[in-house]
Amino acid sequence: MAKKRSLLSRWWLWLAVLVAALLGAAWLAYGEGLAKTGAAGTAYGARVACSCRFVAGRDMDDCAKDKLEGMEMISFSANETTRSVTASIPFIASDTATYREGYGCMLKKWED
């Protein structure tokens, strides 16, 4: 019985190693492109949602309806105190646009 349990434990260990290796390989293959595309998508989404909320005065639930096809993973959160909207894709990208009187919604400076 002990030997059977030992083999079963090793099987799960090897499966976990294989899954980790596959995820690592996928991130190496697609991660950089995904991060760049995600950064552009969150920047666009933050600016549009900020304008929707603070220029047009619409509710954030209504602004979420303006997402384009392919933006399903992007989530928005508004900060009424700072008059800003943050758009994010978990673990990939995040960007914030802030409303400035006379200028509209402006993105934070990008850092490479």
Protein backbone atom coordinates (compact mmCIF):
# COMPACT_ATOMS: atom_id res chain seq x y z
CA MET A 1 0.00 0.00 0.00
CA ALA A 2 2.82 2.41 0.86
CA LYS A 3 4.49 1.76 -2.47
CA LYS A 4 1.24 2.48 -4.35
CA ARG A 5 0.82 5.81 -2.54
CA SER A 6 4.43 6.74 -3.34
CA LEU A 7 3.90 6.14 -7.07
CA LEU A 8 0.69 8.15 -6.99
CA SER A 9 2.45 11.05 -5.25
CA ARG A 10 5.17 11.06 -7.88
CA TRP A 11 2.60 11.05 -10.68
CA TRP A 12 0.99 14.24 -9.30
CA LEU A 13 4.43 15.79 -8.87
CA TRP A 14 5.39 15.10 -12.47
CA LEU A 15 2.03 16.38 -13.66
CA ALA A 16 2.55 19.62 -11.71
CA VAL A 17 6.05 20.03 -13.17
CA LEU A 18 4.71 19.44 -16.69
CA VAL A 19 1.90 21.98 -16.26
CA ALA A 20 4.36 24.56 -14.85
CA ALA A 21 6.74 23.97 -17.77
CA LEU A 22 3.93 24.37 -20.32
CA LEU A 23 2.70 27.58 -18.68
CA GLY A 24 6.25 28.93 -18.61
CA ALA A 25 6.76 28.09 -22.29
CA ALA A 26 3.46 29.75 -23.22
CA TRP A 27 4.42 32.90 -21.30
CA LEU A 28 7.81 33.01 -23.03
CA ALA A 29 6.18 32.56 -26.43
CA TYR A 30 3.26 34.95 -26.03
CA GLY A 31 3.88 36.97 -22.87
CA GLU A 32 5.64 40.00 -24.34
CA GLY A 33 3.11 40.45 -27.14
CA LEU A 34 0.25 39.95 -24.72
CA ALA A 35 1.70 42.53 -22.32
CA LYS A 36 2.14 45.12 -25.11
CA THR A 37 -1.32 44.52 -26.54
CA GLY A 38 -2.79 44.55 -23.02
CA ALA A 39 -1.05 47.85 -22.24
CA ALA A 40 -2.49 49.47 -25.36
CA GLY A 41 -5.95 48.06 -24.60
CA THR A 42 -5.97 49.23 -21.00
CA ALA A 43 -4.71 52.69 -21.98
CA TYR A 44 -7.47 53.04 -24.57
CA GLY A 45 -10.09 51.65 -22.20
CA ALA A 46 -9.05 53.93 -19.32
CA ARG A 47 -9.20 57.05 -21.48
CA VAL A 48 -12.56 56.20 -23.03
CA ALA A 49 -14.12 55.14 -19.72
CA CYS A 50 -12.78 58.27 -17.98
CA SER A 51 -14.30 60.48 -20.69
CA CYS A 52 -17.56 58.56 -20.45
CA ARG A 53 -17.71 58.96 -16.66
CA PHE A 54 -16.33 62.45 -16.02
CA VAL A 55 -16.94 64.30 -19.32
CA ALA A 56 -20.28 62.77 -20.34
CA GLY A 57 -21.38 62.18 -16.73
CA ARG A 58 -22.57 58.62 -17.33
CA ASP A 59 -22.60 55.83 -14.73
CA MET A 60 -19.69 53.34 -14.84
CA ASP A 61 -22.07 50.43 -15.51
CA ASP A 62 -23.31 52.30 -18.56
CA CYS A 63 -19.73 53.13 -19.63
CA ALA A 64 -18.78 49.43 -19.52
CA LYS A 65 -21.23 48.89 -22.39
CA ASP A 66 -18.89 50.89 -24.64
CA LYS A 67 -16.21 48.18 -24.64
CA LEU A 68 -15.15 47.06 -28.09
CA GLU A 69 -14.96 43.43 -29.19
CA GLY A 70 -11.87 41.86 -27.65
CA MET A 71 -11.95 44.01 -24.50
CA GLU A 72 -13.89 41.49 -22.40
CA MET A 73 -10.97 40.88 -20.02
CA ILE A 74 -10.53 44.58 -19.19
CA SER A 75 -12.17 45.73 -15.97
CA PHE A 76 -12.75 49.35 -14.94
CA SER A 77 -12.73 51.03 -11.56
CA ALA A 78 -13.50 54.70 -10.99
CA ASN A 79 -12.12 56.87 -8.19
CA GLU A 80 -14.54 59.74 -7.67
CA THR A 81 -12.15 61.61 -5.34
CA THR A 82 -9.30 61.83 -7.85
CA ARG A 83 -11.68 61.81 -10.84
CA SER A 84 -9.81 58.96 -12.47
CA VAL A 85 -10.58 55.60 -14.04
CA THR A 86 -8.24 52.61 -13.96
CA ALA A 87 -8.54 49.90 -16.59
CA SER A 88 -6.79 46.62 -15.89
CA ILE A 89 -6.23 43.09 -17.12
CA PRO A 90 -5.24 41.00 -14.10
CA PHE A 91 -1.51 40.14 -13.97
CA ILE A 92 -0.88 41.68 -17.41
CA ALA A 93 -1.50 45.43 -17.64
CA SER A 94 -3.10 48.39 -15.92
CA ASP A 95 -3.48 52.05 -16.84
CA THR A 96 -5.15 55.11 -15.31
CA ALA A 97 -6.69 58.17 -16.94
CA THR A 98 -7.43 61.26 -14.84
CA TYR A 99 -9.87 64.04 -15.68
CA ARG A 100 -8.37 67.54 -15.73
CA GLU A 101 -10.63 70.55 -16.16
CA GLY A 102 -10.08 72.14 -19.57
CA TYR A 103 -8.05 69.18 -20.86
CA GLY A 104 -10.38 66.23 -20.47
CA CYS A 105 -9.05 62.80 -19.53
CA MET A 106 -5.32 62.27 -19.68
CA LEU A 107 -3.29 59.10 -19.24
CA LYS A 108 -0.48 58.84 -16.76
CA LYS A 109 2.95 58.98 -18.36
CA TRP A 110 4.04 55.56 -19.62
CA GLU A 111 7.17 54.08 -18.15
CA ASP A 112 9.15 51.51 -20.19
